[in-house]
PDB file of N, CA and C in Angstrom:
ATOM      1  N   MET A   1     -28.787  40.476   2.686  1.00  0.00           N
ATOM      2  CA  MET A   1     -27.581  41.171   2.276  1.00  0.00           C
ATOM      3  C   MET A   1     -26.963  41.869   3.441  1.00  0.00           C
ATOM      4  N   LEU A   2     -27.781  42.359   4.249  1.00  0.00           N
ATOM      5  CA  LEU A   2     -27.406  43.153   5.413  1.00  0.00           C
ATOM      6  C   LEU A   2     -26.441  42.342   6.333  1.00  0.00           C
ATOM      7  N   SER A   3     -26.834  41.173   6.515  1.00  0.00           N
ATOM      8  CA  SER A   3     -26.077  40.151   7.378  1.00  0.00           C
ATOM      9  C   SER A   3     -24.702  39.886   6.856  1.00  0.00           C
ATOM     10  N   LEU A   4     -24.641  39.804   5.492  1.00  0.00           N
ATOM     11  CA  LEU A   4     -23.309  39.579   4.797  1.00  0.00           C
ATOM     12  C   LEU A   4     -22.426  40.660   5.050  1.00  0.00           C
ATOM     13  N   ALA A   5     -22.795  41.893   4.887  1.00  0.00           N
ATOM     14  CA  ALA A   5     -21.998  43.030   5.071  1.00  0.00           C
ATOM     15  C   ALA A   5     -21.498  43.148   6.511  1.00  0.00           C
ATOM     16  N   ARG A   6     -22.448  42.851   7.379  1.00  0.00           N
ATOM     17  CA  ARG A   6     -22.105  42.860   8.852  1.00  0.00           C
ATOM     18  C   ARG A   6     -20.963  41.808   9.088  1.00  0.00           C
ATOM     19  N   ALA A   7     -21.192  40.607   8.575  1.00  0.00           N
ATOM     20  CA  ALA A   7     -20.227  39.450   8.772  1.00  0.00           C
ATOM     21  C   ALA A   7     -18.815  39.874   8.149  1.00  0.00           C
ATOM     22  N   GLU A   8     -18.775  40.571   7.080  1.00  0.00           N
ATOM     23  CA  GLU A   8     -17.598  41.064   6.382  1.00  0.00           C
ATOM     24  C   GLU A   8     -16.839  42.047   7.347  1.00  0.00           C
ATOM     25  N   ARG A   9     -17.615  42.950   7.960  1.00  0.00           N
ATOM     26  CA  ARG A   9     -17.054  43.871   8.840  1.00  0.00           C
ATOM     27  C   ARG A   9     -16.402  43.222  10.017  1.00  0.00           C
ATOM     28  N   LYS A  10     -17.207  42.257  10.586  1.00  0.00           N
ATOM     29  CA  LYS A  10     -16.667  41.526  11.825  1.00  0.00           C
ATOM     30  C   LYS A  10     -15.414  40.823  11.455  1.00  0.00           C
ATOM     31  N   ALA A  11     -15.415  40.154  10.267  1.00  0.00           N
ATOM     32  CA  ALA A  11     -14.191  39.280   9.942  1.00  0.00           C
ATOM     33  C   ALA A  11     -12.978  40.280   9.667  1.00  0.00           C
ATOM     34  N   ALA A  12     -13.217  41.475   9.027  1.00  0.00           N
ATOM     35  CA  ALA A  12     -12.103  42.443   8.739  1.00  0.00           C
ATOM     36  C   ALA A  12     -11.582  42.932  10.112  1.00  0.00           C
ATOM     37  N   ARG A  13     -12.453  43.215  10.986  1.00  0.00           N
ATOM     38  CA  ARG A  13     -11.923  43.718  12.406  1.00  0.00           C
ATOM     39  C   ARG A  13     -11.202  42.520  13.057  1.00  0.00           C
ATOM     40  N   LEU A  14     -11.741  41.263  12.997  1.00  0.00           N
ATOM     41  CA  LEU A  14     -10.986  40.247  13.638  1.00  0.00           C
ATOM     42  C   LEU A  14      -9.632  40.025  13.110  1.00  0.00           C
ATOM     43  N   VAL A  15      -9.498  40.054  11.710  1.00  0.00           N
ATOM     44  CA  VAL A  15      -8.262  39.821  11.120  1.00  0.00           C
ATOM     45  C   VAL A  15      -7.271  40.963  11.338  1.00  0.00           C
ATOM     46  N   LYS A  16      -7.869  42.107  11.340  1.00  0.00           N
ATOM     47  CA  LYS A  16      -6.928  43.337  11.667  1.00  0.00           C
ATOM     48  C   LYS A  16      -6.429  43.273  13.112  1.00  0.00           C
ATOM     49  N   ASP A  17      -7.236  42.845  13.970  1.00  0.00           N
ATOM     50  CA  ASP A  17      -6.807  42.919  15.399  1.00  0.00           C
ATOM     51  C   ASP A  17      -5.959  41.678  15.770  1.00  0.00           C
ATOM     52  N   HIS A  18      -6.150  40.608  15.133  1.00  0.00           N
ATOM     53  CA  HIS A  18      -5.399  39.390  15.642  1.00  0.00           C
ATOM     54  C   HIS A  18      -4.637  38.674  14.460  1.00  0.00           C
ATOM     55  N   PHE A  19      -4.442  39.293  13.434  1.00  0.00           N
ATOM     56  CA  PHE A  19      -3.642  38.627  12.306  1.00  0.00           C
ATOM     57  C   PHE A  19      -2.216  38.993  12.360  1.00  0.00           C
ATOM     58  N   ASP A  20      -1.356  38.052  12.473  1.00  0.00           N
ATOM     59  CA  ASP A  20       0.154  38.245  12.573  1.00  0.00           C
ATOM     60  C   ASP A  20       0.711  37.422  11.392  1.00  0.00           C
ATOM     61  N   VAL A  21       1.321  38.038  10.366  1.00  0.00           N
ATOM     62  CA  VAL A  21       1.905  37.323   9.261  1.00  0.00           C
ATOM     63  C   VAL A  21       3.144  36.547   9.736  1.00  0.00           C
ATOM     64  N   GLY A  22       3.930  36.946  10.650  1.00  0.00           N
ATOM     65  CA  GLY A  22       4.986  36.129  11.123  1.00  0.00           C
ATOM     66  C   GLY A  22       4.587  34.877  11.743  1.00  0.00           C
ATOM     67  N   ASP A  23       3.454  35.020  12.605  1.00  0.00           N
ATOM     68  CA  ASP A  23       2.942  33.795  13.266  1.00  0.00           C
ATOM     69  C   ASP A  23       2.346  32.795  12.130  1.00  0.00           C
ATOM     70  N   LEU A  24       1.789  33.318  11.150  1.00  0.00           N
ATOM     71  CA  LEU A  24       1.276  32.425  10.069  1.00  0.00           C
ATOM     72  C   LEU A  24       2.364  31.681   9.367  1.00  0.00           C
ATOM     73  N   HIS A  25       3.599  32.496   9.088  1.00  0.00           N
ATOM     74  CA  HIS A  25       4.625  31.735   8.534  1.00  0.00           C
ATOM     75  C   HIS A  25       5.232  30.800   9.391  1.00  0.00           C
ATOM     76  N   ASP A  26       5.312  31.077  10.622  1.00  0.00           N
ATOM     77  CA  ASP A  26       5.849  30.021  11.661  1.00  0.00           C
ATOM     78  C   ASP A  26       5.017  28.749  11.569  1.00  0.00           C
ATOM     79  N   GLN A  27       3.735  28.972  11.592  1.00  0.00           N
ATOM     80  CA  GLN A  27       2.756  27.900  11.703  1.00  0.00           C
ATOM     81  C   GLN A  27       2.842  26.992  10.343  1.00  0.00           C
ATOM     82  N   LEU A  28       3.014  27.822   9.249  1.00  0.00           N
ATOM     83  CA  LEU A  28       3.147  26.989   8.000  1.00  0.00           C
ATOM     84  C   LEU A  28       4.457  26.296   7.870  1.00  0.00           C
ATOM     85  N   ASP A  29       5.570  26.875   8.403  1.00  0.00           N
ATOM     86  CA  ASP A  29       6.871  26.070   8.598  1.00  0.00           C
ATOM     87  C   ASP A  29       6.706  24.815   9.294  1.00  0.00           C
ATOM     88  N   ALA A  30       6.107  25.146  10.543  1.00  0.00           N
ATOM     89  CA  ALA A  30       5.916  23.905  11.380  1.00  0.00           C
ATOM     90  C   ALA A  30       5.073  22.767  10.733  1.00  0.00           C
ATOM     91  N   LEU A  31       4.081  23.165  10.029  1.00  0.00           N
ATOM     92  CA  LEU A  31       3.187  22.166   9.335  1.00  0.00           C
ATOM     93  C   LEU A  31       3.947  21.514   8.207  1.00  0.00           C
ATOM     94  N   ARG A  32       4.815  22.266   7.491  1.00  0.00           N
ATOM     95  CA  ARG A  32       5.624  21.747   6.452  1.00  0.00           C
ATOM     96  C   ARG A  32       6.603  20.662   6.998  1.00  0.00           C
ATOM     97  N   SER A  33       7.261  20.995   8.033  1.00  0.00           N
ATOM     98  CA  SER A  33       8.153  20.041   8.618  1.00  0.00           C
ATOM     99  C   SER A  33       7.480  18.864   9.053  1.00  0.00           C
ATOM    100  N   TYR A  34       6.455  19.025   9.726  1.00  0.00           N
ATOM    101  CA  TYR A  34       5.583  17.739  10.277  1.00  0.00           C
ATOM    102  C   TYR A  34       5.144  16.882   9.076  1.00  0.00           C
ATOM    103  N   VAL A  35       4.699  17.517   7.990  1.00  0.00           N
ATOM    104  CA  VAL A  35       4.276  16.602   6.847  1.00  0.00           C
ATOM    105  C   VAL A  35       5.560  16.019   6.205  1.00  0.00           C
ATOM    106  N   ASN A  36       6.711  16.698   6.211  1.00  0.00           N
ATOM    107  CA  ASN A  36       7.938  15.955   5.792  1.00  0.00           C
ATOM    108  C   ASN A  36       8.319  14.876   6.581  1.00  0.00           C
ATOM    109  N   GLU A  37       8.302  15.019   7.940  1.00  0.00           N
ATOM    110  CA  GLU A  37       8.645  13.914   8.862  1.00  0.00           C
ATOM    111  C   GLU A  37       7.610  12.868   8.667  1.00  0.00           C
ATOM    112  N   LEU A  38       6.363  13.094   8.566  1.00  0.00           N
ATOM    113  CA  LEU A  38       5.350  12.109   8.413  1.00  0.00           C
ATOM    114  C   LEU A  38       5.494  11.230   7.121  1.00  0.00           C
ATOM    115  N   SER A  39       5.835  11.985   6.074  1.00  0.00           N
ATOM    116  CA  SER A  39       6.103  11.265   4.822  1.00  0.00           C
ATOM    117  C   SER A  39       7.310  10.390   4.773  1.00  0.00           C
ATOM    118  N   ALA A  40       8.343  10.913   5.452  1.00  0.00           N
ATOM    119  CA  ALA A  40       9.558  10.014   5.567  1.00  0.00           C
ATOM    120  C   ALA A  40       9.359   8.815   6.444  1.00  0.00           C
ATOM    121  N   SER A  41       8.593   9.031   7.480  1.00  0.00           N
ATOM    122  CA  SER A  41       8.231   7.850   8.364  1.00  0.00           C
ATOM    123  C   SER A  41       7.462   6.892   7.615  1.00  0.00           C
ATOM    124  N   ALA A  42       6.429   7.222   6.783  1.00  0.00           N
ATOM    125  CA  ALA A  42       5.604   6.392   6.095  1.00  0.00           C
ATOM    126  C   ALA A  42       6.411   5.746   5.033  1.00  0.00           C
ATOM    127  N   GLY A  43       7.394   6.396   4.413  1.00  0.00           N
ATOM    128  CA  GLY A  43       8.233   5.753   3.377  1.00  0.00           C
ATOM    129  C   GLY A  43       9.111   4.723   3.962  1.00  0.00           C
ATOM    130  N   LYS A  44       9.648   4.926   5.142  1.00  0.00           N
ATOM    131  CA  LYS A  44      10.468   3.860   5.866  1.00  0.00           C
ATOM    132  C   LYS A  44       9.715   2.684   6.129  1.00  0.00           C
ATOM    133  N   SER A  45       8.452   3.001   6.649  1.00  0.00           N
ATOM    134  CA  SER A  45       7.697   1.919   7.132  1.00  0.00           C
ATOM    135  C   SER A  45       7.347   1.052   6.002  1.00  0.00           C
ATOM    136  N   ALA A  46       6.820   1.660   4.831  1.00  0.00           N
ATOM    137  CA  ALA A  46       6.453   0.961   3.623  1.00  0.00           C
ATOM    138  C   ALA A  46       7.615   0.106   3.015  1.00  0.00           C
ATOM    139  N   SER A  47       8.874   0.743   3.177  1.00  0.00           N
ATOM    140  CA  SER A  47       9.914  -0.028   2.577  1.00  0.00           C
ATOM    141  C   SER A  47      10.285  -1.158   3.487  1.00  0.00           C
ATOM    142  N   HIS A  48      10.155  -1.081   4.778  1.00  0.00           N
ATOM    143  CA  HIS A  48      10.441  -2.147   5.638  1.00  0.00           C
ATOM    144  C   HIS A  48       9.377  -3.297   5.464  1.00  0.00           C
ATOM    145  N   GLN A  49       8.172  -3.001   5.384  1.00  0.00           N
ATOM    146  CA  GLN A  49       7.118  -3.970   5.141  1.00  0.00           C
ATOM    147  C   GLN A  49       7.241  -4.645   3.712  1.00  0.00           C
ATOM    148  N   PHE A  50       7.614  -3.928   2.811  1.00  0.00           N
ATOM    149  CA  PHE A  50       7.894  -4.493   1.487  1.00  0.00           C
ATOM    150  C   PHE A  50       9.073  -5.491   1.476  1.00  0.00           C
ATOM    151  N   GLY A  51      10.127  -5.186   2.173  1.00  0.00           N
ATOM    152  CA  GLY A  51      11.204  -6.092   2.395  1.00  0.00           C
ATOM    153  C   GLY A  51      10.817  -7.278   3.196  1.00  0.00           C
ATOM    154  N   ARG A  52       9.999  -7.149   4.110  1.00  0.00           N
ATOM    155  CA  ARG A  52       9.545  -8.346   4.855  1.00  0.00           C
ATOM    156  C   ARG A  52       8.644  -9.252   3.987  1.00  0.00           C
ATOM    157  N   ALA A  53       7.721  -8.646   3.213  1.00  0.00           N
ATOM    158  CA  ALA A  53       6.881  -9.461   2.333  1.00  0.00           C
ATOM    159  C   ALA A  53       7.724 -10.188   1.369  1.00  0.00           C
ATOM    160  N   ARG A  54       8.806  -9.495   0.738  1.00  0.00           N
ATOM    161  CA  ARG A  54       9.585 -10.088  -0.292  1.00  0.00           C
ATOM    162  C   ARG A  54      10.299 -11.273   0.344  1.00  0.00           C
ATOM    163  N   ASP A  55      10.862 -11.172   1.487  1.00  0.00           N
ATOM    164  CA  ASP A  55      11.547 -12.201   2.283  1.00  0.00           C
ATOM    165  C   ASP A  55      10.573 -13.511   2.529  1.00  0.00           C
ATOM    166  N   TYR A  56       9.419 -13.051   2.888  1.00  0.00           N
ATOM    167  CA  TYR A  56       8.438 -14.117   3.228  1.00  0.00           C
ATOM    168  C   TYR A  56       8.091 -14.884   1.984  1.00  0.00           C
ATOM    169  N   ALA A  57       7.901 -14.269   0.864  1.00  0.00           N
ATOM    170  CA  ALA A  57       7.529 -14.799  -0.447  1.00  0.00           C
ATOM    171  C   ALA A  57       8.696 -15.747  -0.901  1.00  0.00           C
ATOM    172  N   SER A  58       9.902 -15.114  -0.803  1.00  0.00           N
ATOM    173  CA  SER A  58      11.041 -15.882  -1.215  1.00  0.00           C
ATOM    174  C   SER A  58      11.281 -17.269  -0.358  1.00  0.00           C
ATOM    175  N   ASP A  59      10.998 -17.130   0.876  1.00  0.00           N
ATOM    176  CA  ASP A  59      11.100 -18.264   1.759  1.00  0.00           C
ATOM    177  C   ASP A  59      10.052 -19.340   1.358  1.00  0.00           C
ATOM    178  N   ALA A  60       8.873 -18.865   1.105  1.00  0.00           N
ATOM    179  CA  ALA A  60       7.748 -19.820   0.779  1.00  0.00           C
ATOM    180  C   ALA A  60       8.048 -20.557  -0.616  1.00  0.00           C
ATOM    181  N   ALA A  61       8.680 -19.746  -1.564  1.00  0.00           N
ATOM    182  CA  ALA A  61       9.044 -20.345  -2.760  1.00  0.00           C
ATOM    183  C   ALA A  61      10.133 -21.458  -2.624  1.00  0.00           C
ATOM    184  N   HIS A  62      11.140 -21.099  -1.808  1.00  0.00           N
ATOM    185  CA  HIS A  62      12.187 -22.148  -1.528  1.00  0.00           C
ATOM    186  C   HIS A  62      11.664 -23.334  -0.869  1.00  0.00           C
ATOM    187  N   GLU A  63      10.731 -23.188   0.118  1.00  0.00           N
ATOM    188  CA  GLU A  63      10.197 -24.232   0.803  1.00  0.00           C
ATOM    189  C   GLU A  63       9.384 -25.157  -0.152  1.00  0.00           C
ATOM    190  N   ALA A  64       8.670 -24.551  -1.178  1.00  0.00           N
ATOM    191  CA  ALA A  64       7.855 -25.363  -1.972  1.00  0.00           C
ATOM    192  C   ALA A  64       8.805 -26.047  -3.054  1.00  0.00           C
ATOM    193  N   GLU A  65       9.889 -25.456  -3.398  1.00  0.00           N
ATOM    194  CA  GLU A  65      10.834 -26.107  -4.287  1.00  0.00           C
ATOM    195  C   GLU A  65      11.494 -27.222  -3.480  1.00  0.00           C
ATOM    196  N   GLU A  66      11.811 -27.140  -2.264  1.00  0.00           N
ATOM    197  CA  GLU A  66      12.449 -28.197  -1.551  1.00  0.00           C
ATOM    198  C   GLU A  66      11.448 -29.338  -1.287  1.00  0.00           C
ATOM    199  N   ALA A  67      10.138 -29.046  -1.104  1.00  0.00           N
ATOM    200  CA  ALA A  67       9.141 -30.064  -0.911  1.00  0.00           C
ATOM    201  C   ALA A  67       9.055 -30.879  -2.172  1.00  0.00           C
ATOM    202  N   MET A  68       9.030 -30.160  -3.321  1.00  0.00           N
ATOM    203  CA  MET A  68       8.933 -30.811  -4.525  1.00  0.00           C
ATOM    204  C   MET A  68      10.031 -31.733  -4.878  1.00  0.00           C
ATOM    205  N   LYS A  69      11.331 -31.259  -4.452  1.00  0.00           N
ATOM    206  CA  LYS A  69      12.502 -32.063  -4.723  1.00  0.00           C
ATOM    207  C   LYS A  69      12.512 -33.248  -3.749  1.00  0.00           C
ATOM    208  N   ASP A  70      11.980 -33.099  -2.570  1.00  0.00           N
ATOM    209  CA  ASP A  70      11.941 -34.239  -1.638  1.00  0.00           C
ATOM    210  C   ASP A  70      10.888 -35.279  -2.062  1.00  0.00           C
ATOM    211  N   ASN A  71       9.863 -34.866  -2.773  1.00  0.00           N
ATOM    212  CA  ASN A  71       8.764 -35.831  -3.167  1.00  0.00           C
ATOM    213  C   ASN A  71       8.701 -35.781  -4.678  1.00  0.00           C
ATOM    214  N   LEU A  72       9.867 -35.942  -5.336  1.00  0.00           N
ATOM    215  CA  LEU A  72       9.927 -35.861  -6.725  1.00  0.00           C
ATOM    216  C   LEU A  72       9.042 -36.889  -7.450  1.00  0.00           C
ATOM    217  N   ALA A  73       9.138 -38.155  -6.941  1.00  0.00           N
ATOM    218  CA  ALA A  73       8.355 -39.231  -7.551  1.00  0.00           C
ATOM    219  C   ALA A  73       6.775 -38.934  -7.436  1.00  0.00           C
ATOM    220  N   ALA A  74       6.413 -38.599  -6.278  1.00  0.00           N
ATOM    221  CA  ALA A  74       4.946 -38.235  -6.107  1.00  0.00           C
ATOM    222  C   ALA A  74       4.568 -37.025  -6.949  1.00  0.00           C
ATOM    223  N   SER A  75       5.433 -35.979  -7.139  1.00  0.00           N
ATOM    224  CA  SER A  75       5.169 -34.828  -7.918  1.00  0.00           C
ATOM    225  C   SER A  75       4.943 -35.343  -9.401  1.00  0.00           C
ATOM    226  N   LEU A  76       5.850 -36.059  -9.810  1.00  0.00           N
ATOM    227  CA  LEU A  76       5.766 -36.510 -11.186  1.00  0.00           C
ATOM    228  C   LEU A  76       4.532 -37.454 -11.498  1.00  0.00           C
ATOM    229  N   LEU A  77       4.311 -38.232 -10.497  1.00  0.00           N
ATOM    230  CA  LEU A  77       3.016 -39.144 -10.759  1.00  0.00           C
ATOM    231  C   LEU A  77       1.837 -38.289 -10.625  1.00  0.00           C
ATOM    232  N   LEU A  78       1.765 -37.279  -9.924  1.00  0.00           N
ATOM    233  CA  LEU A  78       0.536 -36.446  -9.756  1.00  0.00           C
ATOM    234  C   LEU A  78       0.432 -35.568 -11.095  1.00  0.00           C
ATOM    235  N   ALA A  79       1.509 -35.065 -11.638  1.00  0.00           N
ATOM    236  CA  ALA A  79       1.466 -34.376 -12.864  1.00  0.00           C
ATOM    237  C   ALA A  79       1.058 -35.186 -13.991  1.00  0.00           C
ATOM    238  N   VAL A  80       1.407 -36.417 -14.080  1.00  0.00           N
ATOM    239  CA  VAL A  80       1.129 -37.470 -15.168  1.00  0.00           C
ATOM    240  C   VAL A  80      -0.363 -37.776 -14.949  1.00  0.00           C
ATOM    241  N   GLY A  81      -0.784 -37.983 -13.671  1.00  0.00           N
ATOM    242  CA  GLY A  81      -2.196 -38.398 -13.502  1.00  0.00           C
ATOM    243  C   GLY A  81      -3.127 -37.230 -13.951  1.00  0.00           C
ATOM    244  N   VAL A  82      -2.777 -35.945 -13.555  1.00  0.00           N
ATOM    245  CA  VAL A  82      -3.589 -34.836 -13.888  1.00  0.00           C
ATOM    246  C   VAL A  82      -3.655 -34.703 -15.479  1.00  0.00           C
ATOM    247  N   GLY A  83      -2.485 -34.933 -16.118  1.00  0.00           N
ATOM    248  CA  GLY A  83      -2.350 -34.814 -17.595  1.00  0.00           C
ATOM    249  C   GLY A  83      -3.230 -35.844 -18.295  1.00  0.00           C
ATOM    250  N   VAL A  84      -3.270 -37.109 -17.726  1.00  0.00           N
ATOM    251  CA  VAL A  84      -4.085 -38.234 -18.297  1.00  0.00           C
ATOM    252  C   VAL A  84      -5.626 -37.815 -18.159  1.00  0.00           C
ATOM    253  N   VAL A  85      -5.978 -37.323 -16.978  1.00  0.00           N
ATOM    254  CA  VAL A  85      -7.375 -36.977 -16.747  1.00  0.00           C
ATOM    255  C   VAL A  85      -7.823 -35.920 -17.691  1.00  0.00           C
ATOM    256  N   VAL A  86      -6.963 -34.838 -17.801  1.00  0.00           N
ATOM    257  CA  VAL A  86      -7.302 -33.751 -18.625  1.00  0.00           C
ATOM    258  C   VAL A  86      -7.456 -34.058 -20.069  1.00  0.00           C
ATOM    259  N   GLY A  87      -6.434 -35.007 -20.528  1.00  0.00           N
ATOM    260  CA  GLY A  87      -6.482 -35.514 -21.792  1.00  0.00           C
ATOM    261  C   GLY A  87      -7.627 -36.406 -22.223  1.00  0.00           C
ATOM    262  N   TYR A  88      -8.139 -37.210 -21.149  1.00  0.00           N
ATOM    263  CA  TYR A  88      -9.350 -37.965 -21.411  1.00  0.00           C
ATOM    264  C   TYR A  88     -10.524 -37.189 -21.560  1.00  0.00           C
ATOM    265  N   PHE A  89     -10.748 -36.163 -20.690  1.00  0.00           N
ATOM    266  CA  PHE A  89     -11.818 -35.205 -20.922  1.00  0.00           C
ATOM    267  C   PHE A  89     -11.786 -34.355 -22.219  1.00  0.00           C
ATOM    268  N   LEU A  90     -10.568 -34.092 -22.595  1.00  0.00           N
ATOM    269  CA  LEU A  90     -10.509 -33.365 -23.854  1.00  0.00           C
ATOM    270  C   LEU A  90     -10.869 -34.277 -25.099  1.00  0.00           C
ATOM    271  N   ARG A  91     -10.428 -35.383 -25.004  1.00  0.00           N
ATOM    272  CA  ARG A  91     -10.656 -36.345 -26.059  1.00  0.00           C
ATOM    273  C   ARG A  91     -12.115 -36.768 -26.172  1.00  0.00           C
ATOM    274  N   ARG A  92     -12.657 -36.879 -24.950  1.00  0.00           N
ATOM    275  CA  ARG A  92     -14.179 -37.324 -24.821  1.00  0.00           C
ATOM    276  C   ARG A  92     -15.003 -36.133 -25.369  1.00  0.00           C
ATOM    277  N   GLY A  93     -14.598 -34.947 -25.054  1.00  0.00           N
ATOM    278  CA  GLY A  93     -15.389 -33.787 -25.551  1.00  0.00           C
ATOM    279  C   GLY A  93     -15.279 -33.584 -26.953  1.00  0.00           C
ATOM    280  N   THR A  94     -14.357 -33.915 -27.623  1.00  0.00           N
ATOM    281  CA  THR A  94     -14.215 -33.724 -29.166  1.00  0.00           C
ATOM    282  C   THR A  94     -14.885 -34.785 -29.969  1.00  0.00           C
ATOM    283  N   GLU A  95     -15.260 -35.869 -29.367  1.00  0.00           N
ATOM    284  CA  GLU A  95     -15.914 -37.014 -30.076  1.00  0.00           C
ATOM    285  C   GLU A  95     -17.351 -36.853 -30.245  1.00  0.00           C
TER     286      GLU A  95
END
């Protein structure tokens, strides 16, 4: 217990000698502005990256659609073939 009281006295003396409320407010204001700038920067970066991802996904969807249109006969034959195979296994499994 003795060491706790001694530590409290030292802390009180340190605070009394070096504590400046104005300096504390200035530091808090600087910290607040830094956090605001950091959050704004992170928001802009996230928005930019989201836009890039959306554009990439849109381009990929358009390319897939064009590939399907260019190879329409092959796409239809593939779909029919998969349907026949699935139908065969479903029918075979119910018998």
